[in-house]
N, C-alpha and C. Protein backbone atom coordinates (compact mmCIF):
# COMPACT_ATOMS: atom_id res chain seq x y z
N UNK A 1 0.99 -1.27 -0.01
CA UNK A 1 -0.18 0.10 -0.02
C UNK A 1 0.80 0.96 -0.13
N UNK A 2 0.64 2.41 -0.95
CA UNK A 2 1.44 3.33 -0.81
C UNK A 2 0.99 4.67 0.14
N UNK A 3 1.91 5.73 0.17
CA UNK A 3 1.50 6.62 1.50
C UNK A 3 0.35 7.38 0.99
N UNK A 4 -0.15 7.58 0.26
CA UNK A 4 -1.06 8.33 -0.29
C UNK A 4 -2.67 7.21 0.14
N UNK A 5 -2.19 6.05 -0.46
CA UNK A 5 -3.91 5.12 0.15
C UNK A 5 -4.01 4.89 1.78
N UNK A 6 -2.83 5.03 2.03
CA UNK A 6 -2.68 5.02 3.99
C UNK A 6 -3.08 5.89 4.64
N UNK A 7 -3.17 7.53 3.80
CA UNK A 7 -3.47 8.53 4.39
C UNK A 7 -5.30 8.70 4.13
N UNK A 8 -5.70 8.13 3.03
CA UNK A 8 -6.98 8.10 2.72
C UNK A 8 -7.51 7.11 3.58
N UNK A 9 -7.46 5.83 3.68
CA UNK A 9 -8.13 4.87 4.73
C UNK A 9 -8.16 5.44 5.64
N UNK A 10 -6.84 5.67 6.56
CA UNK A 10 -7.20 6.22 7.82
C UNK A 10 -8.22 7.37 7.56
N UNK A 11 -7.95 8.33 6.97
CA UNK A 11 -9.45 9.29 7.40
C UNK A 11 -10.73 8.67 7.14
N UNK A 12 -10.76 7.79 5.98
CA UNK A 12 -11.86 7.14 5.36
C UNK A 12 -13.06 6.58 6.71
N UNK A 13 -11.80 5.26 7.02
CA UNK A 13 -12.21 4.60 8.35
C UNK A 13 -12.77 5.40 9.52
N UNK A 14 -11.79 6.03 9.80
CA UNK A 14 -12.39 6.83 11.03
C UNK A 14 -13.48 8.25 11.22
N UNK A 15 -13.92 8.50 9.43
CA UNK A 15 -14.29 9.62 9.31
C UNK A 15 -14.87 10.88 9.82
N UNK A 16 -13.05 10.94 10.14
CA UNK A 16 -13.09 12.96 10.33
C UNK A 16 -13.63 13.27 11.89
N UNK A 17 -14.34 12.42 12.60
CA UNK A 17 -14.95 13.02 13.66
C UNK A 17 -14.07 11.87 14.94
N UNK A 18 -14.20 10.95 14.28
CA UNK A 18 -13.61 10.22 15.63
C UNK A 18 -11.91 10.15 15.76
N UNK A 19 -11.75 9.73 17.41
CA UNK A 19 -10.49 9.42 18.04
C UNK A 19 -9.53 9.25 16.84
N UNK A 20 -8.71 10.05 16.40
CA UNK A 20 -7.54 8.66 15.83
C UNK A 20 -6.52 8.23 16.51
N UNK A 21 -6.43 7.06 15.77
CA UNK A 21 -4.99 6.13 16.65
C UNK A 21 -3.93 6.77 16.64
N UNK A 22 -2.71 6.82 17.20
CA UNK A 22 -0.93 7.36 16.94
C UNK A 22 -0.64 6.77 15.74
N UNK A 23 -1.32 4.90 15.49
CA UNK A 23 -0.88 4.84 14.28
C UNK A 23 -1.05 5.48 13.18
N UNK A 24 -2.33 5.83 12.99
CA UNK A 24 -3.32 6.46 11.94
C UNK A 24 -2.62 7.98 12.09
N UNK A 25 -2.42 8.73 13.00
CA UNK A 25 -1.68 9.72 12.61
C UNK A 25 -0.44 9.87 12.06
N UNK A 26 0.37 8.87 12.93
CA UNK A 26 1.81 8.89 12.23
C UNK A 26 2.04 8.90 10.41
N UNK A 27 1.13 7.60 10.02
CA UNK A 27 0.88 7.22 8.55
C UNK A 27 0.49 8.82 8.23
N UNK A 28 -0.54 9.28 8.77
CA UNK A 28 -0.90 10.23 8.08
C UNK A 28 0.03 12.06 7.21
N UNK A 29 1.03 11.49 8.54
CA UNK A 29 1.94 12.62 8.47
C UNK A 29 3.09 12.55 7.87
N UNK A 30 3.31 11.04 7.76
CA UNK A 30 4.35 10.85 6.69
C UNK A 30 3.93 10.87 5.35
N UNK A 31 2.61 10.32 5.06
CA UNK A 31 2.38 10.67 3.47
C UNK A 31 1.86 11.87 2.95
N UNK A 32 1.70 12.65 4.38
CA UNK A 32 1.79 14.44 4.01
C UNK A 32 3.07 14.91 3.49
N UNK A 33 4.16 14.17 4.19
CA UNK A 33 5.36 14.94 4.26
C UNK A 33 5.91 14.04 2.83
N UNK A 34 5.78 12.92 3.14
CA UNK A 34 6.04 12.63 1.21
C UNK A 34 5.35 13.36 -0.29
N UNK A 35 4.37 13.43 0.11
CA UNK A 35 3.79 13.96 -1.27
C UNK A 35 4.36 15.60 -1.07
N UNK A 36 4.76 16.04 -0.01
CA UNK A 36 5.24 17.67 0.13
C UNK A 36 6.81 17.66 -0.20
N UNK A 37 7.39 17.02 0.11
CA UNK A 37 9.01 16.56 -0.62
C UNK A 37 8.46 16.38 -2.19
N UNK A 38 7.77 15.32 -2.48
CA UNK A 38 7.90 15.37 -4.15
C UNK A 38 7.52 16.39 -4.87
N UNK A 39 6.21 17.19 -4.06
CA UNK A 39 5.98 18.66 -5.06
C UNK A 39 7.59 19.21 -5.21
N UNK A 40 8.40 19.31 -4.42
CA UNK A 40 9.59 20.29 -4.71
C UNK A 40 10.60 19.25 -5.05
N UNK A 41 10.24 17.96 -5.20
CA UNK A 41 11.79 17.33 -5.93
C UNK A 41 12.55 16.81 -4.78
N UNK A 42 12.54 17.12 -3.41
CA UNK A 42 13.19 16.81 -2.41
C UNK A 42 13.27 15.34 -2.51
N UNK A 43 14.26 14.59 -1.55
CA UNK A 43 14.14 13.57 -1.14
C UNK A 43 14.90 13.48 0.15
N UNK A 44 14.43 12.35 0.78
CA UNK A 44 14.46 12.26 2.49
C UNK A 44 16.34 12.32 2.90
N UNK A 45 17.45 11.97 1.61
CA UNK A 45 18.50 12.09 1.54
C UNK A 45 19.16 13.59 1.71
N UNK A 46 18.11 14.72 1.38
CA UNK A 46 18.60 15.68 1.10
C UNK A 46 18.79 16.27 2.73
N UNK A 47 18.07 15.82 3.61
CA UNK A 47 18.15 16.14 4.81
C UNK A 47 17.46 17.58 5.34
N UNK A 48 16.56 17.91 4.66
CA UNK A 48 16.04 19.08 4.58
C UNK A 48 14.59 18.43 5.86
N UNK A 49 14.40 19.76 6.70
CA UNK A 49 13.58 19.08 7.80
C UNK A 49 11.98 19.38 7.54
N UNK A 50 11.35 18.84 7.95
CA UNK A 50 9.95 18.69 8.08
C UNK A 50 9.24 19.99 8.29
N UNK A 51 9.81 20.85 9.22
CA UNK A 51 9.18 21.89 9.52
C UNK A 51 9.57 23.22 8.42
N UNK A 52 10.65 22.86 7.48
CA UNK A 52 11.27 23.64 6.71
C UNK A 52 10.88 23.78 5.35
N UNK A 53 10.34 22.71 4.73
CA UNK A 53 9.36 21.88 4.15
C UNK A 53 8.21 22.65 4.19
N UNK A 54 7.20 22.25 5.25
CA UNK A 54 6.14 22.68 5.29
C UNK A 54 5.96 24.23 5.43
N UNK A 55 6.84 25.23 5.92
CA UNK A 55 6.83 26.48 5.58
C UNK A 55 7.42 27.10 4.19
N UNK A 56 8.53 26.42 4.05
CA UNK A 56 8.38 26.55 2.29
C UNK A 56 7.04 26.58 1.64
N UNK A 57 6.21 25.47 1.90
CA UNK A 57 4.76 25.42 0.58
C UNK A 57 4.14 26.26 1.47
N UNK A 58 3.95 26.22 3.29
CA UNK A 58 2.89 27.14 3.61
C UNK A 58 1.57 26.17 3.84
N UNK A 59 1.85 25.40 4.07
CA UNK A 59 0.91 24.48 4.53
C UNK A 59 0.77 24.32 5.93
N UNK A 60 -0.09 23.47 6.49
CA UNK A 60 -0.27 23.10 8.12
C UNK A 60 -0.50 21.63 8.14
N UNK A 61 -0.44 21.22 9.18
CA UNK A 61 -0.77 19.59 8.98
C UNK A 61 -1.89 19.13 8.92
N UNK A 62 -2.37 18.47 8.57
CA UNK A 62 -3.35 17.60 8.18
C UNK A 62 -4.12 17.19 9.75
N UNK A 63 -3.12 16.33 10.36
CA UNK A 63 -3.74 16.20 12.07
C UNK A 63 -4.30 17.52 12.54
N UNK A 64 -3.48 18.81 12.20
CA UNK A 64 -3.68 19.71 13.31
C UNK A 64 -5.16 20.15 12.75
N UNK A 65 -6.07 20.23 11.11
CA UNK A 65 -6.19 20.79 10.66
C UNK A 65 -7.70 19.72 11.49
N UNK A 66 -7.77 18.25 11.17
CA UNK A 66 -8.86 17.48 12.21
C UNK A 66 -9.16 17.71 13.15
N UNK A 67 -7.74 17.92 14.31
CA UNK A 67 -8.19 18.71 15.60
C UNK A 67 -9.15 19.63 15.77
N UNK A 68 -8.58 20.93 14.89
CA UNK A 68 -9.33 22.31 14.91
C UNK A 68 -10.92 21.77 14.80
N UNK A 69 -11.20 20.74 13.62
CA UNK A 69 -12.55 20.80 13.36
C UNK A 69 -13.33 19.55 14.41
N UNK A 70 -12.67 19.10 14.80
CA UNK A 70 -12.73 18.75 15.97
C UNK A 70 -13.45 19.15 17.19
N UNK A 71 -12.53 20.28 17.63
CA UNK A 71 -12.84 21.40 18.34
C UNK A 71 -14.08 22.54 17.85
N UNK A 72 -14.39 22.33 16.93
CA UNK A 72 -15.38 23.53 16.28
C UNK A 72 -16.38 22.52 16.67
N UNK A 73 -16.53 21.21 16.72
CA UNK A 73 -17.79 20.76 16.97
C UNK A 73 -18.12 20.49 18.47
N UNK A 74 -17.21 20.68 19.41
CA UNK A 74 -17.50 20.54 20.58
C UNK A 74 -17.28 21.89 21.40
N UNK A 75 -17.06 23.45 20.94
CA UNK A 75 -17.49 24.37 21.33
C UNK A 75 -18.98 24.42 21.43
N UNK A 76 -20.01 24.58 21.25
CA UNK A 76 -21.45 24.41 21.44
C UNK A 76 -21.57 23.50 22.76
N UNK A 77 -20.91 22.60 22.70
CA UNK A 77 -21.27 21.63 24.00
C UNK A 77 -20.37 22.48 25.45
N UNK A 78 -19.04 22.89 25.25
CA UNK A 78 -18.75 23.65 26.21
C UNK A 78 -19.22 24.85 26.60
N UNK A 79 -19.95 25.29 25.52
CA UNK A 79 -20.43 26.74 26.07
C UNK A 79 -21.75 26.31 26.98
N UNK A 80 -22.27 25.26 26.50
CA UNK A 80 -23.41 24.65 27.15
C UNK A 80 -23.32 24.56 28.78
N UNK A 81 -22.11 23.73 28.86
CA UNK A 81 -21.63 23.08 30.05
C UNK A 81 -21.54 24.48 31.13
N UNK A 82 -21.15 25.66 30.58
CA UNK A 82 -20.95 26.41 31.31
C UNK A 82 -21.82 27.66 31.89
N UNK A 83 -23.59 27.20 31.15
CA UNK A 83 -24.40 28.13 31.92
C UNK A 83 -24.92 27.52 33.14
N UNK A 84 -26.04 28.35 33.74
CA UNK A 84 -26.44 27.67 34.81
C UNK A 84 -26.85 25.95 34.99
N UNK A 85 -27.08 25.48 36.11
CA UNK A 85 -27.75 24.54 36.58
C UNK A 85 -28.77 24.66 36.01
N UNK A 86 -30.00 25.49 36.23
CA UNK A 86 -31.30 25.22 35.96
C UNK A 86 -31.77 25.55 34.58
N UNK A 87 -30.85 26.00 33.77
CA UNK A 87 -31.10 26.36 32.27
C UNK A 87 -30.13 24.92 31.76
N UNK A 88 -29.51 24.37 31.95
CA UNK A 88 -29.02 22.68 31.62
C UNK A 88 -30.20 22.00 31.80
N UNK A 89 -30.59 21.91 33.03
CA UNK A 89 -31.94 20.96 33.33
C UNK A 89 -33.15 21.06 32.58
N UNK A 90 -33.51 22.90 32.27
CA UNK A 90 -34.93 22.46 31.29
C UNK A 90 -33.99 22.27 30.12
N UNK A 91 -33.12 22.42 29.54
CA UNK A 91 -32.90 21.83 28.06
C UNK A 91 -32.84 20.42 28.10
N UNK A 92 -32.63 19.40 29.41
CA UNK A 92 -32.27 18.31 29.19
C UNK A 92 -34.02 17.62 29.32
N UNK A 93 -34.93 18.38 30.04
CA UNK A 93 -35.93 17.88 30.28
C UNK A 93 -36.62 17.38 28.80
N UNK A 94 -37.31 15.99 29.01
CA UNK A 94 -38.03 15.66 27.45
C UNK A 94 -39.57 15.92 28.06
N UNK A 95 -40.07 16.93 26.88
CA UNK A 95 -41.62 16.96 27.33
C UNK A 95 -42.72 15.98 26.21
């Protein structure tokens, strides 16, 4: 299985909103860096750091974007948790 297939398989099987395992995160990062290196014609033997390549291209990590998306999903929940107890109870009641 090549790097791109591994990255896509991790994303699709986890459906973007579930917690990613460390092995999936690592595979995604390796695949992403492989694609960025390929874009600029660099190889691993060129000994150019990942951060240098990411800054050169001007991209952020895919994993960071997934985490950011998950935080957007949970922000309304955390906002509701800070409300008064009575307000929370009234929202929970089923009529």
